PDB file of N, CA and C in Angstrom:
ATOM      1  N   SER A   1       6.316  -5.247  -0.403  1.00  0.00           N
ATOM      2  CA  SER A   1       7.518  -5.507  -0.058  1.00  0.00           C
ATOM      3  C   SER A   1       8.233  -4.264   0.255  1.00  0.00           C
ATOM      4  N   GLU A   2       7.833  -3.145  -0.742  1.00  0.00           N
ATOM      5  CA  GLU A   2       8.366  -1.828  -0.659  1.00  0.00           C
ATOM      6  C   GLU A   2       8.036  -1.186   0.745  1.00  0.00           C
ATOM      7  N   LEU A   3       6.639  -1.415   1.162  1.00  0.00           N
ATOM      8  CA  LEU A   3       6.174  -0.670   2.194  1.00  0.00           C
ATOM      9  C   LEU A   3       7.055  -1.145   3.409  1.00  0.00           C
ATOM     10  N   LEU A   4       6.964  -2.579   3.531  1.00  0.00           N
ATOM     11  CA  LEU A   4       8.209  -2.982   4.568  1.00  0.00           C
ATOM     12  C   LEU A   4       9.348  -2.757   4.744  1.00  0.00           C
ATOM     13  N   GLN A   5      10.049  -2.497   3.577  1.00  0.00           N
ATOM     14  CA  GLN A   5      11.518  -2.085   3.386  1.00  0.00           C
ATOM     15  C   GLN A   5      11.545  -0.585   3.769  1.00  0.00           C
ATOM     16  N   ASN A   6      10.466   0.205   3.545  1.00  0.00           N
ATOM     17  CA  ASN A   6      10.356   1.505   4.201  1.00  0.00           C
ATOM     18  C   ASN A   6      10.116   1.690   5.504  1.00  0.00           C
ATOM     19  N   ILE A   7       9.584   0.963   6.153  1.00  0.00           N
ATOM     20  CA  ILE A   7       9.352   0.707   7.472  1.00  0.00           C
ATOM     21  C   ILE A   7      10.762   0.307   8.091  1.00  0.00           C
ATOM     22  N   SER A   8      11.488  -0.349   7.856  1.00  0.00           N
ATOM     23  CA  SER A   8      12.681  -1.056   8.097  1.00  0.00           C
ATOM     24  C   SER A   8      13.903  -0.027   8.096  1.00  0.00           C
ATOM     25  N   LYS A   9      13.741   0.833   6.927  1.00  0.00           N
ATOM     26  CA  LYS A   9      14.908   1.730   6.885  1.00  0.00           C
ATOM     27  C   LYS A   9      14.345   3.203   7.752  1.00  0.00           C
ATOM     28  N   HIS A  10      13.312   3.608   7.853  1.00  0.00           N
ATOM     29  CA  HIS A  10      12.921   5.158   8.183  1.00  0.00           C
ATOM     30  C   HIS A  10      12.049   5.116   9.288  1.00  0.00           C
ATOM     31  N   ALA A  11      11.031   3.966   9.796  1.00  0.00           N
ATOM     32  CA  ALA A  11      10.230   4.421  10.743  1.00  0.00           C
ATOM     33  C   ALA A  11      10.192   4.215  12.268  1.00  0.00           C
ATOM     34  N   ARG A  12      11.767   3.382  12.520  1.00  0.00           N
ATOM     35  CA  ARG A  12      11.873   3.239  13.774  1.00  0.00           C
ATOM     36  C   ARG A  12      10.776   2.517  14.419  1.00  0.00           C
ATOM     37  N   ALA A  13       9.991   1.646  13.760  1.00  0.00           N
ATOM     38  CA  ALA A  13       9.042   0.660  14.415  1.00  0.00           C
ATOM     39  C   ALA A  13       9.556  -0.824  15.067  1.00  0.00           C
ATOM     40  N   THR A  14       8.885  -1.050  16.260  1.00  0.00           N
ATOM     41  CA  THR A  14       9.220  -2.072  16.635  1.00  0.00           C
ATOM     42  C   THR A  14       7.995  -3.451  16.204  1.00  0.00           C
ATOM     43  N   ARG A  15       7.145  -2.848  15.485  1.00  0.00           N
ATOM     44  CA  ARG A  15       6.083  -3.755  14.909  1.00  0.00           C
ATOM     45  C   ARG A  15       5.412  -3.313  13.508  1.00  0.00           C
ATOM     46  N   ALA A  16       5.195  -4.288  12.761  1.00  0.00           N
ATOM     47  CA  ALA A  16       4.140  -3.918  11.648  1.00  0.00           C
ATOM     48  C   ALA A  16       3.270  -5.238  11.350  1.00  0.00           C
ATOM     49  N   THR A  17       2.155  -4.708  10.574  1.00  0.00           N
ATOM     50  CA  THR A  17       1.499  -5.753  10.422  1.00  0.00           C
ATOM     51  C   THR A  17       0.962  -5.724   8.843  1.00  0.00           C
ATOM     52  N   VAL A  18       0.846  -6.801   8.309  1.00  0.00           N
ATOM     53  CA  VAL A  18       0.148  -6.522   6.869  1.00  0.00           C
ATOM     54  C   VAL A  18      -0.855  -7.334   6.959  1.00  0.00           C
ATOM     55  N   ASP A  19      -1.990  -6.603   6.334  1.00  0.00           N
ATOM     56  CA  ASP A  19      -3.497  -7.185   5.918  1.00  0.00           C
ATOM     57  C   ASP A  19      -3.795  -7.267   4.660  1.00  0.00           C
ATOM     58  N   VAL A  20      -4.335  -8.380   4.050  1.00  0.00           N
ATOM     59  CA  VAL A  20      -4.795  -8.547   2.861  1.00  0.00           C
ATOM     60  C   VAL A  20      -6.078  -9.124   2.709  1.00  0.00           C
ATOM     61  N   TRP A  21      -6.995  -8.367   1.690  1.00  0.00           N
ATOM     62  CA  TRP A  21      -8.333  -8.947   1.651  1.00  0.00           C
ATOM     63  C   TRP A  21      -8.851  -8.604   0.467  1.00  0.00           C
ATOM     64  N   ARG A  22      -9.921  -8.979   0.017  1.00  0.00           N
ATOM     65  CA  ARG A  22     -10.582  -8.989  -1.274  1.00  0.00           C
ATOM     66  C   ARG A  22     -11.986  -7.942  -0.874  1.00  0.00           C
ATOM     67  N   ALA A  23     -12.560  -6.930  -1.349  1.00  0.00           N
ATOM     68  CA  ALA A  23     -13.533  -6.260  -1.023  1.00  0.00           C
ATOM     69  C   ALA A  23     -14.189  -5.932  -2.603  1.00  0.00           C
ATOM     70  N   GLY A  24     -15.357  -7.046  -2.678  1.00  0.00           N
ATOM     71  CA  GLY A  24     -15.929  -6.608  -4.021  1.00  0.00           C
ATOM     72  C   GLY A  24     -14.940  -7.126  -5.267  1.00  0.00           C
ATOM     73  N   ASP A  25     -14.878  -6.032  -6.201  1.00  0.00           N
ATOM     74  CA  ASP A  25     -13.940  -6.204  -7.311  1.00  0.00           C
ATOM     75  C   ASP A  25     -12.712  -5.496  -7.144  1.00  0.00           C
ATOM     76  N   ARG A  26     -12.225  -5.255  -5.963  1.00  0.00           N
ATOM     77  CA  ARG A  26     -11.109  -4.792  -5.484  1.00  0.00           C
ATOM     78  C   ARG A  26     -10.040  -5.626  -4.437  1.00  0.00           C
ATOM     79  N   LEU A  27      -8.842  -5.682  -4.651  1.00  0.00           N
ATOM     80  CA  LEU A  27      -7.945  -6.350  -3.678  1.00  0.00           C
ATOM     81  C   LEU A  27      -7.242  -5.168  -2.946  1.00  0.00           C
ATOM     82  N   MET A  28      -7.323  -5.466  -1.666  1.00  0.00           N
ATOM     83  CA  MET A  28      -6.839  -4.581  -0.626  1.00  0.00           C
ATOM     84  C   MET A  28      -5.508  -5.051   0.231  1.00  0.00           C
ATOM     85  N   LEU A  29      -4.722  -4.064   0.325  1.00  0.00           N
ATOM     86  CA  LEU A  29      -3.714  -4.613   1.405  1.00  0.00           C
ATOM     87  C   LEU A  29      -3.453  -3.042   2.276  1.00  0.00           C
ATOM     88  N   GLN A  30      -3.203  -3.770   3.495  1.00  0.00           N
ATOM     89  CA  GLN A  30      -2.946  -2.562   4.372  1.00  0.00           C
ATOM     90  C   GLN A  30      -1.739  -3.023   5.088  1.00  0.00           C
ATOM     91  N   VAL A  31      -0.635  -1.835   5.297  1.00  0.00           N
ATOM     92  CA  VAL A  31       0.440  -2.053   6.263  1.00  0.00           C
ATOM     93  C   VAL A  31       0.484  -1.135   7.005  1.00  0.00           C
ATOM     94  N   THR A  32       0.670  -1.582   8.406  1.00  0.00           N
ATOM     95  CA  THR A  32       0.714  -0.633   9.281  1.00  0.00           C
ATOM     96  C   THR A  32       1.866  -0.588  10.466  1.00  0.00           C
ATOM     97  N   ASP A  33       2.562   0.318  11.000  1.00  0.00           N
ATOM     98  CA  ASP A  33       3.486   0.205  11.621  1.00  0.00           C
ATOM     99  C   ASP A  33       3.496   0.977  13.049  1.00  0.00           C
ATOM    100  N   ASP A  34       4.297   0.669  14.223  1.00  0.00           N
ATOM    101  CA  ASP A  34       4.161   1.424  15.131  1.00  0.00           C
ATOM    102  C   ASP A  34       5.200   2.652  15.296  1.00  0.00           C
ATOM    103  N   GLY A  35       5.846   3.062  14.225  1.00  0.00           N
ATOM    104  CA  GLY A  35       6.921   3.925  14.333  1.00  0.00           C
ATOM    105  C   GLY A  35       6.585   5.492  14.552  1.00  0.00           C
ATOM    106  N   GLY A  36       7.370   6.357  14.126  1.00  0.00           N
ATOM    107  CA  GLY A  36       7.531   7.492  14.440  1.00  0.00           C
ATOM    108  C   GLY A  36       6.362   8.594  13.538  1.00  0.00           C
ATOM    109  N   GLY A  37       6.177   7.744  12.666  1.00  0.00           N
ATOM    110  CA  GLY A  37       4.908   8.648  11.663  1.00  0.00           C
ATOM    111  C   GLY A  37       5.727   9.630  10.888  1.00  0.00           C
ATOM    112  N   GLY A  38       4.958  10.537  10.383  1.00  0.00           N
ATOM    113  CA  GLY A  38       5.594  11.597   9.653  1.00  0.00           C
ATOM    114  C   GLY A  38       5.797  11.437   8.235  1.00  0.00           C
ATOM    115  N   ALA A  39       5.314  10.301   7.526  1.00  0.00           N
ATOM    116  CA  ALA A  39       5.509   9.731   6.263  1.00  0.00           C
ATOM    117  C   ALA A  39       4.650  10.814   5.248  1.00  0.00           C
ATOM    118  N   ARG A  40       5.337  11.217   4.001  1.00  0.00           N
ATOM    119  CA  ARG A  40       4.826  11.777   3.102  1.00  0.00           C
ATOM    120  C   ARG A  40       4.554  11.244   1.900  1.00  0.00           C
ATOM    121  N   LEU A  41       3.485  11.703   0.893  1.00  0.00           N
ATOM    122  CA  LEU A  41       3.430  11.309  -0.388  1.00  0.00           C
ATOM    123  C   LEU A  41       4.428  12.165  -1.226  1.00  0.00           C
ATOM    124  N   ASP A  42       4.507  13.451  -0.780  1.00  0.00           N
ATOM    125  CA  ASP A  42       5.335  14.404  -1.598  1.00  0.00           C
ATOM    126  C   ASP A  42       6.981  14.444  -1.716  1.00  0.00           C
ATOM    127  N   GLY A  43       7.548  15.330  -2.098  1.00  0.00           N
ATOM    128  CA  GLY A  43       9.127  15.648  -1.965  1.00  0.00           C
ATOM    129  C   GLY A  43       9.604  14.571  -2.759  1.00  0.00           C
ATOM    130  N   GLY A  44       9.127  13.697  -3.638  1.00  0.00           N
ATOM    131  CA  GLY A  44      10.123  12.589  -4.508  1.00  0.00           C
ATOM    132  C   GLY A  44      10.297  11.280  -3.575  1.00  0.00           C
ATOM    133  N   SER A  45       9.657  11.056  -2.738  1.00  0.00           N
ATOM    134  CA  SER A  45       9.663   9.868  -1.897  1.00  0.00           C
ATOM    135  C   SER A  45       9.171   8.593  -2.525  1.00  0.00           C
ATOM    136  N   GLY A  46       9.678   7.533  -1.993  1.00  0.00           N
ATOM    137  CA  GLY A  46       9.502   6.426  -2.841  1.00  0.00           C
ATOM    138  C   GLY A  46       7.946   5.922  -2.429  1.00  0.00           C
ATOM    139  N   LEU A  47       7.324   6.365  -1.585  1.00  0.00           N
ATOM    140  CA  LEU A  47       5.948   6.376  -1.400  1.00  0.00           C
ATOM    141  C   LEU A  47       4.999   7.037  -2.255  1.00  0.00           C
ATOM    142  N   ALA A  48       5.867   7.964  -2.692  1.00  0.00           N
ATOM    143  CA  ALA A  48       5.301   8.698  -4.158  1.00  0.00           C
ATOM    144  C   ALA A  48       5.121   8.005  -5.401  1.00  0.00           C
ATOM    145  N   GLY A  49       6.386   7.385  -5.594  1.00  0.00           N
ATOM    146  CA  GLY A  49       6.431   6.700  -6.783  1.00  0.00           C
ATOM    147  C   GLY A  49       5.497   5.379  -6.586  1.00  0.00           C
ATOM    148  N   LEU A  50       5.453   4.813  -5.418  1.00  0.00           N
ATOM    149  CA  LEU A  50       4.662   3.767  -5.333  1.00  0.00           C
ATOM    150  C   LEU A  50       3.194   4.051  -5.631  1.00  0.00           C
ATOM    151  N   ALA A  51       2.841   5.100  -5.146  1.00  0.00           N
ATOM    152  CA  ALA A  51       1.367   5.752  -5.474  1.00  0.00           C
ATOM    153  C   ALA A  51       1.098   5.928  -7.150  1.00  0.00           C
ATOM    154  N   GLU A  52       2.157   6.321  -7.745  1.00  0.00           N
ATOM    155  CA  GLU A  52       2.176   6.539  -9.266  1.00  0.00           C
ATOM    156  C   GLU A  52       1.790   5.253 -10.005  1.00  0.00           C
ATOM    157  N   ARG A  53       2.730   4.172  -9.286  1.00  0.00           N
ATOM    158  CA  ARG A  53       2.387   2.782  -9.994  1.00  0.00           C
ATOM    159  C   ARG A  53       1.002   2.556  -9.807  1.00  0.00           C
ATOM    160  N   LEU A  54       0.557   2.352  -8.636  1.00  0.00           N
ATOM    161  CA  LEU A  54      -0.904   2.219  -8.481  1.00  0.00           C
ATOM    162  C   LEU A  54      -1.845   2.786  -9.137  1.00  0.00           C
ATOM    163  N   ASP A  55      -1.524   4.260  -9.388  1.00  0.00           N
ATOM    164  CA  ASP A  55      -2.629   4.935 -10.352  1.00  0.00           C
ATOM    165  C   ASP A  55      -2.662   4.549 -11.734  1.00  0.00           C
ATOM    166  N   ALA A  56      -1.325   4.048 -12.168  1.00  0.00           N
ATOM    167  CA  ALA A  56      -1.171   3.540 -13.592  1.00  0.00           C
ATOM    168  C   ALA A  56      -2.153   2.281 -13.872  1.00  0.00           C
ATOM    169  N   VAL A  57      -2.289   1.395 -12.858  1.00  0.00           N
ATOM    170  CA  VAL A  57      -3.214   0.123 -12.947  1.00  0.00           C
ATOM    171  C   VAL A  57      -4.479   0.249 -12.373  1.00  0.00           C
ATOM    172  N   ASP A  58      -4.926   1.513 -12.110  1.00  0.00           N
ATOM    173  CA  ASP A  58      -6.205   2.029 -11.561  1.00  0.00           C
ATOM    174  C   ASP A  58      -6.233   1.609 -10.093  1.00  0.00           C
ATOM    175  N   GLY A  59      -5.291   1.712  -9.398  1.00  0.00           N
ATOM    176  CA  GLY A  59      -5.077   1.627  -8.051  1.00  0.00           C
ATOM    177  C   GLY A  59      -5.221   3.065  -7.274  1.00  0.00           C
ATOM    178  N   VAL A  60      -5.213   2.693  -5.990  1.00  0.00           N
ATOM    179  CA  VAL A  60      -4.976   3.947  -4.848  1.00  0.00           C
ATOM    180  C   VAL A  60      -4.057   3.470  -3.904  1.00  0.00           C
ATOM    181  N   LEU A  61      -3.526   4.474  -3.404  1.00  0.00           N
ATOM    182  CA  LEU A  61      -2.502   4.503  -2.167  1.00  0.00           C
ATOM    183  C   LEU A  61      -3.121   5.637  -1.564  1.00  0.00           C
ATOM    184  N   VAL A  62      -3.393   5.127  -0.002  1.00  0.00           N
ATOM    185  CA  VAL A  62      -3.899   6.098   0.988  1.00  0.00           C
ATOM    186  C   VAL A  62      -2.752   6.152   2.025  1.00  0.00           C
ATOM    187  N   LEU A  63      -2.286   7.103   2.432  1.00  0.00           N
ATOM    188  CA  LEU A  63      -1.323   7.298   3.583  1.00  0.00           C
ATOM    189  C   LEU A  63      -1.994   7.991   4.684  1.00  0.00           C
ATOM    190  N   ASP A  64      -1.856   7.128   6.014  1.00  0.00           N
ATOM    191  CA  ASP A  64      -2.196   7.880   7.197  1.00  0.00           C
ATOM    192  C   ASP A  64      -0.928   7.954   8.353  1.00  0.00           C
ATOM    193  N   SER A  65      -0.343   9.168   8.313  1.00  0.00           N
ATOM    194  CA  SER A  65       0.783   8.891   9.245  1.00  0.00           C
ATOM    195  C   SER A  65       1.224  10.278  10.112  1.00  0.00           C
ATOM    196  N   PRO A  66       0.307  10.348  11.064  1.00  0.00           N
ATOM    197  CA  PRO A  66       0.725  11.471  11.768  1.00  0.00           C
ATOM    198  C   PRO A  66       2.194  11.314  12.358  1.00  0.00           C
ATOM    199  N   GLU A  67       2.281  12.528  12.655  1.00  0.00           N
ATOM    200  CA  GLU A  67       3.799  12.967  13.533  1.00  0.00           C
ATOM    201  C   GLU A  67       3.694  12.273  14.863  1.00  0.00           C
ATOM    202  N   GLY A  68       4.466  11.261  15.022  1.00  0.00           N
ATOM    203  CA  GLY A  68       4.421  10.471  16.399  1.00  0.00           C
ATOM    204  C   GLY A  68       3.875   8.994  16.042  1.00  0.00           C
ATOM    205  N   GLY A  69       3.200   8.962  14.934  1.00  0.00           N
ATOM    206  CA  GLY A  69       2.919   7.690  14.461  1.00  0.00           C
ATOM    207  C   GLY A  69       1.222   7.060  14.900  1.00  0.00           C
ATOM    208  N   PRO A  70       0.836   6.185  14.749  1.00  0.00           N
ATOM    209  CA  PRO A  70       1.266   5.138  14.084  1.00  0.00           C
ATOM    210  C   PRO A  70       1.131   5.633  12.389  1.00  0.00           C
ATOM    211  N   THR A  71       1.856   4.881  11.480  1.00  0.00           N
ATOM    212  CA  THR A  71       1.755   4.842  10.023  1.00  0.00           C
ATOM    213  C   THR A  71       0.673   3.734   9.452  1.00  0.00           C
ATOM    214  N   THR A  72      -0.325   4.143   8.569  1.00  0.00           N
ATOM    215  CA  THR A  72      -1.141   3.030   7.901  1.00  0.00           C
ATOM    216  C   THR A  72      -1.077   3.550   6.622  1.00  0.00           C
ATOM    217  N   VAL A  73      -0.434   2.531   5.546  1.00  0.00           N
ATOM    218  CA  VAL A  73      -0.700   2.536   4.266  1.00  0.00           C
ATOM    219  C   VAL A  73      -1.902   1.706   3.837  1.00  0.00           C
ATOM    220  N   THR A  74      -2.631   2.205   3.081  1.00  0.00           N
ATOM    221  CA  THR A  74      -3.649   1.317   2.317  1.00  0.00           C
ATOM    222  C   THR A  74      -3.446   1.318   0.929  1.00  0.00           C
ATOM    223  N   ALA A  75      -3.451  -0.012   0.254  1.00  0.00           N
ATOM    224  CA  ALA A  75      -3.246   0.304  -0.827  1.00  0.00           C
ATOM    225  C   ALA A  75      -4.681  -0.693  -1.609  1.00  0.00           C
ATOM    226  N   GLU A  76      -5.023  -0.152  -2.763  1.00  0.00           N
ATOM    227  CA  GLU A  76      -6.310  -0.721  -3.281  1.00  0.00           C
ATOM    228  C   GLU A  76      -5.914  -1.005  -4.962  1.00  0.00           C
ATOM    229  N   LEU A  77      -6.439  -2.090  -5.356  1.00  0.00           N
ATOM    230  CA  LEU A  77      -6.114  -2.363  -6.530  1.00  0.00           C
ATOM    231  C   LEU A  77      -7.387  -3.064  -7.232  1.00  0.00           C
ATOM    232  N   PRO A  78      -7.374  -3.008  -8.612  1.00  0.00           N
ATOM    233  CA  PRO A  78      -8.244  -3.942  -9.078  1.00  0.00           C
ATOM    234  C   PRO A  78      -8.267  -5.595  -9.048  1.00  0.00           C
ATOM    235  N   TRP A  79      -9.088  -6.030  -8.316  1.00  0.00           N
ATOM    236  CA  TRP A  79      -9.055  -7.613  -8.757  1.00  0.00           C
ATOM    237  C   TRP A  79      -9.430  -8.358 -10.005  1.00  0.00           C
ATOM    238  N   ARG A  80      -8.527  -9.005 -10.487  1.00  0.00           N
ATOM    239  CA  ARG A  80      -8.591  -9.758 -11.661  1.00  0.00           C
ATOM    240  C   ARG A  80      -8.477 -10.962 -11.737  1.00  0.00           C
ATOM    241  N   ASP A  81      -9.493 -11.866 -11.828  1.00  0.00           N
ATOM    242  CA  ASP A  81     -10.051 -13.045 -11.582  1.00  0.00           C
ATOM    243  C   ASP A  81      -9.112 -13.707 -13.143  1.00  0.00           C
ATOM    244  N   ARG A  82      -8.200 -14.750 -12.836  1.00  0.00           N
ATOM    245  CA  ARG A  82      -7.579 -15.415 -13.820  1.00  0.00           C
ATOM    246  C   ARG A  82      -8.408 -16.242 -14.692  1.00  0.00           C
ATOM    247  N   THR A  83      -9.329 -16.827 -13.667  1.00  0.00           N
ATOM    248  CA  THR A  83     -10.292 -17.894 -14.561  1.00  0.00           C
ATOM    249  C   THR A  83     -11.132 -17.134 -15.346  1.00  0.00           C
ATOM    250  N   ALA A  84     -11.522 -15.972 -14.978  1.00  0.00           N
ATOM    251  CA  ALA A  84     -12.578 -15.364 -16.162  1.00  0.00           C
ATOM    252  C   ALA A  84     -11.902 -14.338 -17.008  1.00  0.00           C
ATOM    253  N   MET A  85     -10.590 -14.252 -16.909  1.00  0.00           N
ATOM    254  CA  MET A  85      -9.965 -13.680 -17.937  1.00  0.00           C
ATOM    255  C   MET A  85      -9.723 -14.580 -18.933  1.00  0.00           C
ATOM    256  N   ALA A  86      -8.901 -15.902 -18.834  1.00  0.00           N
ATOM    257  CA  ALA A  86      -8.936 -16.938 -19.521  1.00  0.00           C
ATOM    258  C   ALA A  86     -10.372 -17.269 -20.296  1.00  0.00           C
ATOM    259  N   THR A  87     -11.308 -17.353 -19.676  1.00  0.00           N
ATOM    260  CA  THR A  87     -12.584 -17.678 -20.586  1.00  0.00           C
ATOM    261  C   THR A  87     -12.678 -16.447 -21.474  1.00  0.00           C
ATOM    262  N   ARG A  88     -12.756 -15.379 -20.984  1.00  0.00           N
ATOM    263  CA  ARG A  88     -12.677 -14.209 -22.515  1.00  0.00           C
ATOM    264  C   ARG A  88     -11.770 -14.437 -23.228  1.00  0.00           C
ATOM    265  N   THR A  89     -10.590 -14.815 -22.951  1.00  0.00           N
ATOM    266  CA  THR A  89     -10.015 -14.545 -24.159  1.00  0.00           C
ATOM    267  C   THR A  89      -9.845 -15.689 -25.227  1.00  0.00           C
ATOM    268  N   ALA A  90     -10.196 -16.870 -24.505  1.00  0.00           N
ATOM    269  CA  ALA A  90     -10.459 -18.298 -25.403  1.00  0.00           C
ATOM    270  C   ALA A  90     -11.351 -18.197 -26.367  1.00  0.00           C
TER     271      ALA A  90
END
């Protein structure tokens, strides 16, 4: 939701897509917009904070945002199966 909020505030986009899938033991989320690009992870941006939060849980944030667009943000997180976790703790 934070990525979509950033698009609405900053990207000047007319369209955004969200894709979510599982790849082995990872949960993948990709948000793409057709805005002006130029997003950055440095300089105290909200994206930098999001990258730090993902890193804290063994996740990764990848940003591709050339000037002129489009912007694609991919988040990768560990997949944790609740059923398997419940079995281990029982």
